[in-house]
């Protein structure tokens, strides 16, 4: 899965680098707290104001993502005043050192671009792999064309 802080560049311009860095630190701390509760997860890398997070286990990632979305989208939050958006795809990944590459990673990145503030966009592959996803409010989007992918991908949204 990928995360992205919505409006981070504009925020940095308005408040300055020091306050923007504090937001990144809050994201790091909250993400670490969530991932501590979930085995087989880790931040693979930081990408400016976003993260690439890997989750092992066939149904683990979706629940980690929902948990993280809630942790990063609190109401009236002075430590984290911006919204997060997330994208997630399920499938095989190819290790490259401490990183992961491949089609699954590329699709997850593209899905992040389709998410709105306080939203998680997931592929049908994620929903199919998460047998107990029924306890979350999944809103079907339908088949969607994703940049660089030849076939449309069936998508769902989760919002907090």
N, C-alpha and C. Protein backbone atom coordinates (compact mmCIF):
# COMPACT_ATOMS: atom_id res chain seq x y z
N UNK A 1 0.84 -1.18 0.00
CA UNK A 1 0.00 0.00 0.00
C UNK A 1 0.88 1.23 0.00
N UNK A 2 0.32 2.31 -0.53
CA UNK A 2 0.98 3.60 -0.51
C UNK A 2 0.12 4.58 0.25
N UNK A 3 0.77 5.54 0.90
CA UNK A 3 0.08 6.66 1.53
C UNK A 3 0.59 7.94 0.90
N UNK A 4 -0.22 8.97 0.97
CA UNK A 4 0.16 10.29 0.48
C UNK A 4 -0.54 11.33 1.34
N UNK A 5 0.19 12.34 1.77
CA UNK A 5 -0.43 13.43 2.53
C UNK A 5 -0.97 14.45 1.53
N UNK A 6 -2.27 14.66 1.57
CA UNK A 6 -2.94 15.55 0.63
C UNK A 6 -2.60 17.01 0.97
N UNK A 7 -2.12 17.75 -0.02
CA UNK A 7 -1.84 19.16 0.15
C UNK A 7 -0.55 19.48 0.88
N UNK A 8 0.35 18.52 0.98
CA UNK A 8 1.57 18.72 1.76
C UNK A 8 2.47 19.82 1.17
N UNK A 9 2.60 19.86 -0.14
CA UNK A 9 3.46 20.86 -0.76
C UNK A 9 2.95 22.27 -0.49
N UNK A 10 1.66 22.49 -0.65
CA UNK A 10 1.07 23.81 -0.38
C UNK A 10 1.19 24.15 1.11
N UNK A 11 0.98 23.16 1.96
CA UNK A 11 1.10 23.36 3.40
C UNK A 11 2.52 23.81 3.76
N UNK A 12 3.51 23.15 3.18
CA UNK A 12 4.90 23.49 3.43
C UNK A 12 5.20 24.93 3.03
N UNK A 13 4.64 25.33 1.89
CA UNK A 13 4.85 26.70 1.43
C UNK A 13 4.28 27.72 2.41
N UNK A 14 3.12 27.41 2.98
CA UNK A 14 2.44 28.34 3.88
C UNK A 14 3.08 28.37 5.27
N UNK A 15 3.36 27.20 5.84
CA UNK A 15 3.80 27.14 7.24
C UNK A 15 5.31 27.02 7.40
N UNK A 16 6.00 26.65 6.35
CA UNK A 16 7.45 26.50 6.43
C UNK A 16 7.88 25.06 6.68
N UNK A 17 9.15 24.85 6.47
CA UNK A 17 9.71 23.49 6.55
C UNK A 17 9.66 22.89 7.94
N UNK A 18 9.86 23.69 8.96
CA UNK A 18 9.90 23.17 10.33
C UNK A 18 8.56 22.55 10.73
N UNK A 19 7.47 23.27 10.48
CA UNK A 19 6.15 22.73 10.81
C UNK A 19 5.78 21.55 9.92
N UNK A 20 6.20 21.62 8.66
CA UNK A 20 5.94 20.50 7.76
C UNK A 20 6.69 19.25 8.22
N UNK A 21 7.90 19.42 8.68
CA UNK A 21 8.68 18.30 9.20
C UNK A 21 7.98 17.68 10.41
N UNK A 22 7.37 18.51 11.24
CA UNK A 22 6.63 18.00 12.40
C UNK A 22 5.47 17.10 11.96
N UNK A 23 4.82 17.44 10.85
CA UNK A 23 3.74 16.60 10.32
C UNK A 23 4.30 15.25 9.87
N UNK A 24 5.44 15.27 9.20
CA UNK A 24 6.07 14.01 8.78
C UNK A 24 6.45 13.16 9.98
N UNK A 25 6.93 13.79 11.03
CA UNK A 25 7.29 13.06 12.25
C UNK A 25 6.04 12.44 12.89
N UNK A 26 4.94 13.19 12.89
CA UNK A 26 3.68 12.65 13.42
C UNK A 26 3.22 11.45 12.60
N UNK A 27 3.36 11.53 11.28
CA UNK A 27 3.01 10.40 10.43
C UNK A 27 3.87 9.19 10.76
N UNK A 28 5.17 9.40 10.93
CA UNK A 28 6.09 8.31 11.25
C UNK A 28 5.71 7.65 12.58
N UNK A 29 5.45 8.46 13.60
CA UNK A 29 5.10 7.93 14.91
C UNK A 29 3.78 7.17 14.89
N UNK A 30 2.77 7.73 14.25
CA UNK A 30 1.47 7.06 14.22
C UNK A 30 1.52 5.78 13.39
N UNK A 31 2.25 5.82 12.29
CA UNK A 31 2.39 4.62 11.47
C UNK A 31 3.10 3.52 12.25
N UNK A 32 4.16 3.87 12.94
CA UNK A 32 4.89 2.88 13.75
C UNK A 32 3.98 2.28 14.81
N UNK A 33 3.15 3.11 15.45
CA UNK A 33 2.24 2.61 16.48
C UNK A 33 1.23 1.62 15.90
N UNK A 34 0.71 1.92 14.71
CA UNK A 34 -0.24 1.00 14.07
C UNK A 34 0.46 -0.29 13.67
N UNK A 35 1.61 -0.18 13.03
CA UNK A 35 2.30 -1.38 12.55
C UNK A 35 2.78 -2.28 13.67
N UNK A 36 3.03 -1.72 14.86
CA UNK A 36 3.39 -2.55 16.02
C UNK A 36 2.29 -3.55 16.36
N UNK A 37 1.05 -3.19 16.08
CA UNK A 37 -0.09 -4.05 16.40
C UNK A 37 -0.32 -5.14 15.35
N UNK A 38 0.38 -5.04 14.23
CA UNK A 38 0.16 -5.99 13.13
C UNK A 38 1.47 -6.68 12.77
N UNK A 39 1.53 -7.99 12.98
CA UNK A 39 2.74 -8.72 12.58
C UNK A 39 2.89 -8.73 11.06
N UNK A 40 4.07 -8.97 10.61
CA UNK A 40 4.36 -9.08 9.18
C UNK A 40 4.05 -7.80 8.40
N UNK A 41 4.32 -6.65 8.98
CA UNK A 41 4.17 -5.39 8.26
C UNK A 41 5.43 -4.56 8.46
N UNK A 42 5.71 -3.69 7.49
CA UNK A 42 6.82 -2.77 7.66
C UNK A 42 6.72 -1.64 6.64
N UNK A 43 7.29 -0.51 7.03
CA UNK A 43 7.45 0.58 6.08
C UNK A 43 8.65 0.21 5.21
N UNK A 44 8.41 0.10 3.93
CA UNK A 44 9.48 -0.26 2.99
C UNK A 44 10.34 0.97 2.71
N UNK A 45 9.67 2.11 2.47
CA UNK A 45 10.42 3.34 2.23
C UNK A 45 9.51 4.54 2.36
N UNK A 46 10.16 5.67 2.61
CA UNK A 46 9.49 6.96 2.61
C UNK A 46 9.68 7.59 1.25
N UNK A 47 8.62 8.21 0.74
CA UNK A 47 8.66 8.84 -0.57
C UNK A 47 8.19 10.28 -0.41
N UNK A 48 9.07 11.15 0.03
CA UNK A 48 8.66 12.53 0.32
C UNK A 48 7.68 12.53 1.47
N UNK A 49 6.41 12.85 1.19
CA UNK A 49 5.40 12.85 2.24
C UNK A 49 4.55 11.58 2.22
N UNK A 50 4.96 10.60 1.48
CA UNK A 50 4.23 9.34 1.40
C UNK A 50 5.07 8.17 1.87
N UNK A 51 4.39 7.04 2.00
CA UNK A 51 5.04 5.81 2.46
C UNK A 51 4.65 4.65 1.55
N UNK A 52 5.56 3.71 1.37
CA UNK A 52 5.25 2.41 0.80
C UNK A 52 5.31 1.43 1.96
N UNK A 53 4.20 0.74 2.20
CA UNK A 53 4.09 -0.19 3.32
C UNK A 53 3.79 -1.58 2.77
N UNK A 54 4.52 -2.57 3.26
CA UNK A 54 4.31 -3.95 2.86
C UNK A 54 3.63 -4.69 3.99
N UNK A 55 2.68 -5.54 3.62
CA UNK A 55 1.96 -6.37 4.59
C UNK A 55 1.98 -7.81 4.11
N UNK A 56 2.45 -8.71 4.95
CA UNK A 56 2.40 -10.13 4.62
C UNK A 56 1.06 -10.70 5.03
N UNK A 57 0.79 -11.89 4.60
CA UNK A 57 -0.48 -12.54 4.94
C UNK A 57 -1.57 -12.13 3.96
N UNK A 58 -2.40 -13.06 3.59
CA UNK A 58 -3.37 -12.80 2.52
C UNK A 58 -4.46 -11.82 2.90
N UNK A 59 -4.81 -11.72 4.18
CA UNK A 59 -5.90 -10.80 4.54
C UNK A 59 -5.45 -9.71 5.52
N UNK A 60 -4.18 -9.62 5.76
CA UNK A 60 -3.66 -8.69 6.75
C UNK A 60 -3.68 -7.24 6.28
N UNK A 61 -3.22 -7.00 5.08
CA UNK A 61 -3.00 -5.65 4.59
C UNK A 61 -4.20 -4.75 4.64
N UNK A 62 -5.34 -5.25 4.25
CA UNK A 62 -6.55 -4.43 4.22
C UNK A 62 -6.87 -3.88 5.60
N UNK A 63 -6.78 -4.71 6.60
CA UNK A 63 -7.12 -4.29 7.95
C UNK A 63 -6.06 -3.34 8.52
N UNK A 64 -4.80 -3.55 8.16
CA UNK A 64 -3.75 -2.61 8.53
C UNK A 64 -4.05 -1.25 7.90
N UNK A 65 -4.43 -1.25 6.63
CA UNK A 65 -4.71 0.00 5.92
C UNK A 65 -5.87 0.76 6.56
N UNK A 66 -6.94 0.06 6.90
CA UNK A 66 -8.09 0.71 7.53
C UNK A 66 -7.70 1.27 8.90
N UNK A 67 -6.93 0.51 9.65
CA UNK A 67 -6.44 0.96 10.95
C UNK A 67 -5.57 2.21 10.80
N UNK A 68 -4.67 2.19 9.82
CA UNK A 68 -3.77 3.33 9.58
C UNK A 68 -4.55 4.55 9.11
N UNK A 69 -5.52 4.35 8.25
CA UNK A 69 -6.36 5.46 7.77
C UNK A 69 -7.02 6.16 8.94
N UNK A 70 -7.55 5.39 9.88
CA UNK A 70 -8.17 5.97 11.07
C UNK A 70 -7.18 6.71 11.95
N UNK A 71 -5.97 6.17 12.07
CA UNK A 71 -4.95 6.79 12.92
C UNK A 71 -4.44 8.10 12.34
N UNK A 72 -4.49 8.24 11.02
CA UNK A 72 -3.97 9.43 10.37
C UNK A 72 -5.05 10.42 9.96
N UNK A 73 -6.28 10.14 10.30
CA UNK A 73 -7.39 11.03 9.90
C UNK A 73 -8.25 11.42 11.09
N UNK A 74 -7.61 11.80 12.17
CA UNK A 74 -8.36 12.23 13.35
C UNK A 74 -9.01 13.58 13.15
N UNK A 75 -10.06 13.84 13.88
CA UNK A 75 -10.74 15.14 13.83
C UNK A 75 -9.99 16.15 14.69
N UNK A 76 -9.94 17.41 14.24
CA UNK A 76 -9.33 18.50 15.01
C UNK A 76 -7.96 18.08 15.55
N UNK A 77 -7.11 17.67 14.68
CA UNK A 77 -5.83 17.09 15.04
C UNK A 77 -4.71 18.11 14.83
N UNK A 78 -4.19 18.66 15.91
CA UNK A 78 -3.13 19.66 15.80
C UNK A 78 -1.81 19.06 15.31
N UNK A 79 -1.52 17.82 15.69
CA UNK A 79 -0.26 17.18 15.30
C UNK A 79 -0.27 16.74 13.84
N UNK A 80 -1.45 16.45 13.32
CA UNK A 80 -1.56 15.98 11.94
C UNK A 80 -2.74 16.72 11.28
N UNK A 81 -2.52 17.98 10.86
CA UNK A 81 -3.61 18.82 10.38
C UNK A 81 -4.05 18.56 8.94
N UNK A 82 -3.37 17.67 8.23
CA UNK A 82 -3.70 17.39 6.84
C UNK A 82 -4.37 16.03 6.71
N UNK A 83 -4.93 15.77 5.54
CA UNK A 83 -5.58 14.49 5.28
C UNK A 83 -4.61 13.54 4.59
N UNK A 84 -4.89 12.28 4.76
CA UNK A 84 -4.10 11.24 4.12
C UNK A 84 -4.98 10.58 3.06
N UNK A 85 -4.36 10.07 2.01
CA UNK A 85 -5.06 9.22 1.05
C UNK A 85 -4.19 8.00 0.83
N UNK A 86 -4.84 6.88 0.50
CA UNK A 86 -4.10 5.63 0.40
C UNK A 86 -4.60 4.80 -0.76
N UNK A 87 -3.72 3.99 -1.31
CA UNK A 87 -4.07 3.04 -2.36
C UNK A 87 -3.45 1.69 -2.06
N UNK A 88 -4.18 0.64 -2.41
CA UNK A 88 -3.71 -0.70 -2.08
C UNK A 88 -4.10 -1.70 -3.15
N UNK A 89 -3.14 -2.55 -3.51
CA UNK A 89 -3.37 -3.64 -4.45
C UNK A 89 -2.77 -4.90 -3.85
N UNK A 90 -3.30 -6.04 -4.24
CA UNK A 90 -2.84 -7.32 -3.69
C UNK A 90 -2.26 -8.16 -4.82
N UNK A 91 -1.11 -8.76 -4.55
CA UNK A 91 -0.50 -9.66 -5.52
C UNK A 91 0.97 -9.85 -5.20
N UNK A 92 1.65 -10.58 -6.07
CA UNK A 92 3.07 -10.85 -5.82
C UNK A 92 3.92 -9.59 -6.01
N UNK A 93 4.98 -9.49 -5.23
CA UNK A 93 5.95 -8.41 -5.36
C UNK A 93 7.34 -9.03 -5.51
N UNK A 94 8.22 -8.29 -6.12
CA UNK A 94 9.58 -8.75 -6.33
C UNK A 94 10.52 -7.97 -5.42
N UNK A 95 11.24 -8.65 -4.52
CA UNK A 95 12.18 -7.93 -3.66
C UNK A 95 13.36 -7.40 -4.47
N UNK A 96 13.80 -6.22 -4.10
CA UNK A 96 15.01 -5.61 -4.68
C UNK A 96 15.73 -4.93 -3.53
N UNK A 97 16.66 -5.64 -2.92
CA UNK A 97 17.29 -5.16 -1.70
C UNK A 97 16.22 -5.11 -0.61
N UNK A 98 16.09 -3.97 0.06
CA UNK A 98 15.05 -3.78 1.07
C UNK A 98 13.74 -3.28 0.48
N UNK A 99 13.71 -3.05 -0.82
CA UNK A 99 12.57 -2.48 -1.52
C UNK A 99 11.76 -3.59 -2.19
N UNK A 100 10.61 -3.23 -2.72
CA UNK A 100 9.80 -4.12 -3.54
C UNK A 100 9.46 -3.41 -4.84
N UNK A 101 9.42 -4.16 -5.94
CA UNK A 101 9.07 -3.62 -7.24
C UNK A 101 8.10 -4.57 -7.91
N UNK A 102 7.55 -4.16 -9.03
CA UNK A 102 6.69 -5.02 -9.82
C UNK A 102 5.31 -4.43 -10.06
N UNK A 103 4.53 -5.17 -10.80
CA UNK A 103 3.20 -4.72 -11.21
C UNK A 103 2.30 -4.39 -10.02
N UNK A 104 2.31 -5.23 -9.00
CA UNK A 104 1.48 -4.99 -7.82
C UNK A 104 1.81 -3.65 -7.17
N UNK A 105 3.09 -3.36 -7.05
CA UNK A 105 3.54 -2.09 -6.45
C UNK A 105 3.11 -0.92 -7.34
N UNK A 106 3.28 -1.06 -8.65
CA UNK A 106 2.91 0.01 -9.57
C UNK A 106 1.42 0.32 -9.50
N UNK A 107 0.60 -0.72 -9.47
CA UNK A 107 -0.85 -0.51 -9.40
C UNK A 107 -1.23 0.16 -8.09
N UNK A 108 -0.65 -0.28 -6.98
CA UNK A 108 -0.96 0.35 -5.68
C UNK A 108 -0.64 1.84 -5.72
N UNK A 109 0.47 2.21 -6.33
CA UNK A 109 0.84 3.63 -6.44
C UNK A 109 -0.19 4.39 -7.25
N UNK A 110 -0.65 3.82 -8.33
CA UNK A 110 -1.66 4.47 -9.18
C UNK A 110 -3.00 4.62 -8.45
N UNK A 111 -3.35 3.64 -7.64
CA UNK A 111 -4.62 3.72 -6.90
C UNK A 111 -4.58 4.84 -5.87
N UNK A 112 -3.41 5.10 -5.32
CA UNK A 112 -3.28 6.20 -4.37
C UNK A 112 -3.65 7.52 -5.03
N UNK A 113 -3.25 7.68 -6.29
CA UNK A 113 -3.58 8.90 -7.03
C UNK A 113 -5.08 9.08 -7.22
N UNK A 114 -5.84 7.99 -7.18
CA UNK A 114 -7.29 8.05 -7.38
C UNK A 114 -8.07 8.29 -6.09
N UNK A 115 -7.40 8.18 -4.96
CA UNK A 115 -8.07 8.35 -3.67
C UNK A 115 -8.23 9.84 -3.35
N UNK A 116 -9.32 10.15 -2.70
CA UNK A 116 -9.54 11.51 -2.21
C UNK A 116 -9.03 11.63 -0.79
N UNK A 117 -9.11 12.82 -0.21
CA UNK A 117 -8.71 12.99 1.18
C UNK A 117 -9.50 12.05 2.09
N UNK A 118 -8.80 11.43 3.04
CA UNK A 118 -9.41 10.52 4.02
C UNK A 118 -10.00 9.28 3.38
N UNK A 119 -9.42 8.85 2.25
CA UNK A 119 -9.92 7.67 1.54
C UNK A 119 -8.82 6.66 1.30
N UNK A 120 -9.25 5.42 1.25
CA UNK A 120 -8.43 4.29 0.84
C UNK A 120 -9.10 3.70 -0.39
N UNK A 121 -8.36 3.59 -1.49
CA UNK A 121 -8.86 2.95 -2.70
C UNK A 121 -8.17 1.60 -2.81
N UNK A 122 -8.97 0.54 -2.96
CA UNK A 122 -8.42 -0.81 -3.06
C UNK A 122 -8.95 -1.49 -4.31
N UNK A 123 -8.17 -2.42 -4.80
CA UNK A 123 -8.57 -3.21 -5.96
C UNK A 123 -9.44 -4.38 -5.53
N UNK A 124 -10.11 -4.95 -6.49
CA UNK A 124 -10.93 -6.13 -6.22
C UNK A 124 -10.07 -7.28 -5.69
N UNK A 125 -8.81 -7.34 -6.10
CA UNK A 125 -7.91 -8.37 -5.60
C UNK A 125 -7.73 -8.27 -4.09
N UNK A 126 -7.70 -7.05 -3.57
CA UNK A 126 -7.61 -6.86 -2.12
C UNK A 126 -8.88 -7.37 -1.45
N UNK A 127 -10.02 -6.99 -1.98
CA UNK A 127 -11.30 -7.41 -1.40
C UNK A 127 -11.43 -8.93 -1.44
N UNK A 128 -11.06 -9.55 -2.56
CA UNK A 128 -11.14 -11.00 -2.68
C UNK A 128 -10.22 -11.72 -1.69
N UNK A 129 -9.07 -11.12 -1.37
CA UNK A 129 -8.12 -11.74 -0.46
C UNK A 129 -8.51 -11.55 1.00
N UNK A 130 -9.41 -10.62 1.28
CA UNK A 130 -9.79 -10.30 2.66
C UNK A 130 -11.16 -10.87 2.94
N UNK A 131 -11.19 -12.11 3.34
CA UNK A 131 -12.46 -12.81 3.51
C UNK A 131 -13.37 -12.17 4.54
N UNK A 132 -12.82 -11.43 5.50
CA UNK A 132 -13.67 -10.81 6.51
C UNK A 132 -13.77 -9.30 6.33
N UNK A 133 -13.67 -8.83 5.09
CA UNK A 133 -13.75 -7.40 4.80
C UNK A 133 -15.19 -6.88 4.91
N UNK A 134 -16.14 -7.76 5.15
CA UNK A 134 -17.54 -7.34 5.21
C UNK A 134 -17.83 -6.40 6.37
N UNK A 135 -16.96 -6.38 7.38
CA UNK A 135 -17.20 -5.52 8.53
C UNK A 135 -16.77 -4.06 8.29
N UNK A 136 -16.32 -3.75 7.07
CA UNK A 136 -15.90 -2.40 6.71
C UNK A 136 -16.80 -1.88 5.60
N UNK A 137 -17.09 -0.58 5.61
CA UNK A 137 -17.95 0.04 4.62
C UNK A 137 -17.20 0.21 3.29
N UNK A 138 -17.27 -0.81 2.45
CA UNK A 138 -16.66 -0.77 1.12
C UNK A 138 -17.66 -0.20 0.13
N UNK A 139 -17.27 0.83 -0.58
CA UNK A 139 -18.15 1.42 -1.59
C UNK A 139 -17.60 1.07 -2.96
N UNK A 140 -18.38 0.32 -3.75
CA UNK A 140 -17.88 -0.04 -5.08
C UNK A 140 -17.77 1.20 -5.98
N UNK A 141 -16.67 1.27 -6.70
CA UNK A 141 -16.45 2.32 -7.69
C UNK A 141 -16.73 1.77 -9.07
N UNK A 142 -16.37 0.52 -9.28
CA UNK A 142 -16.54 -0.12 -10.58
C UNK A 142 -15.22 -0.20 -11.31
N UNK A 143 -15.29 -0.71 -12.55
CA UNK A 143 -14.05 -0.84 -13.31
C UNK A 143 -13.52 0.54 -13.69
N UNK A 144 -12.21 0.73 -13.49
CA UNK A 144 -11.58 2.03 -13.70
C UNK A 144 -10.29 1.84 -14.47
N UNK A 145 -10.06 2.72 -15.42
CA UNK A 145 -8.81 2.71 -16.16
C UNK A 145 -7.73 3.36 -15.30
N UNK A 146 -6.61 2.68 -15.21
CA UNK A 146 -5.48 3.15 -14.41
C UNK A 146 -4.30 3.37 -15.35
N UNK A 147 -3.64 4.50 -15.21
CA UNK A 147 -2.51 4.85 -16.08
C UNK A 147 -1.48 3.73 -16.11
N UNK A 148 -1.11 3.32 -17.32
CA UNK A 148 -0.08 2.32 -17.50
C UNK A 148 -0.54 0.88 -17.40
N UNK A 149 -1.83 0.66 -17.15
CA UNK A 149 -2.37 -0.70 -17.01
C UNK A 149 -3.38 -0.91 -18.13
N UNK A 150 -3.23 -1.99 -18.90
CA UNK A 150 -4.05 -2.18 -20.10
C UNK A 150 -5.51 -2.49 -19.81
N UNK A 151 -5.79 -3.27 -18.78
CA UNK A 151 -7.18 -3.64 -18.46
C UNK A 151 -7.71 -2.78 -17.32
N UNK A 152 -9.00 -2.48 -17.36
CA UNK A 152 -9.61 -1.74 -16.26
C UNK A 152 -9.54 -2.58 -14.98
N UNK A 153 -9.44 -1.89 -13.85
CA UNK A 153 -9.35 -2.55 -12.55
C UNK A 153 -10.60 -2.20 -11.76
N UNK A 154 -11.26 -3.21 -11.19
CA UNK A 154 -12.44 -2.97 -10.37
C UNK A 154 -11.98 -2.42 -9.02
N UNK A 155 -12.54 -1.26 -8.65
CA UNK A 155 -12.10 -0.59 -7.44
C UNK A 155 -13.20 -0.42 -6.41
N UNK A 156 -12.77 -0.26 -5.17
CA UNK A 156 -13.63 0.04 -4.03
C UNK A 156 -13.00 1.16 -3.24
N UNK A 157 -13.83 1.93 -2.52
CA UNK A 157 -13.36 3.00 -1.65
C UNK A 157 -13.78 2.72 -0.23
N UNK A 158 -12.91 3.10 0.69
CA UNK A 158 -13.21 3.11 2.11
C UNK A 158 -12.89 4.53 2.57
N UNK A 159 -13.81 5.16 3.27
CA UNK A 159 -13.58 6.53 3.76
C UNK A 159 -13.85 6.58 5.26
N UNK A 160 -13.14 7.50 5.91
CA UNK A 160 -13.39 7.73 7.34
C UNK A 160 -13.87 9.16 7.53
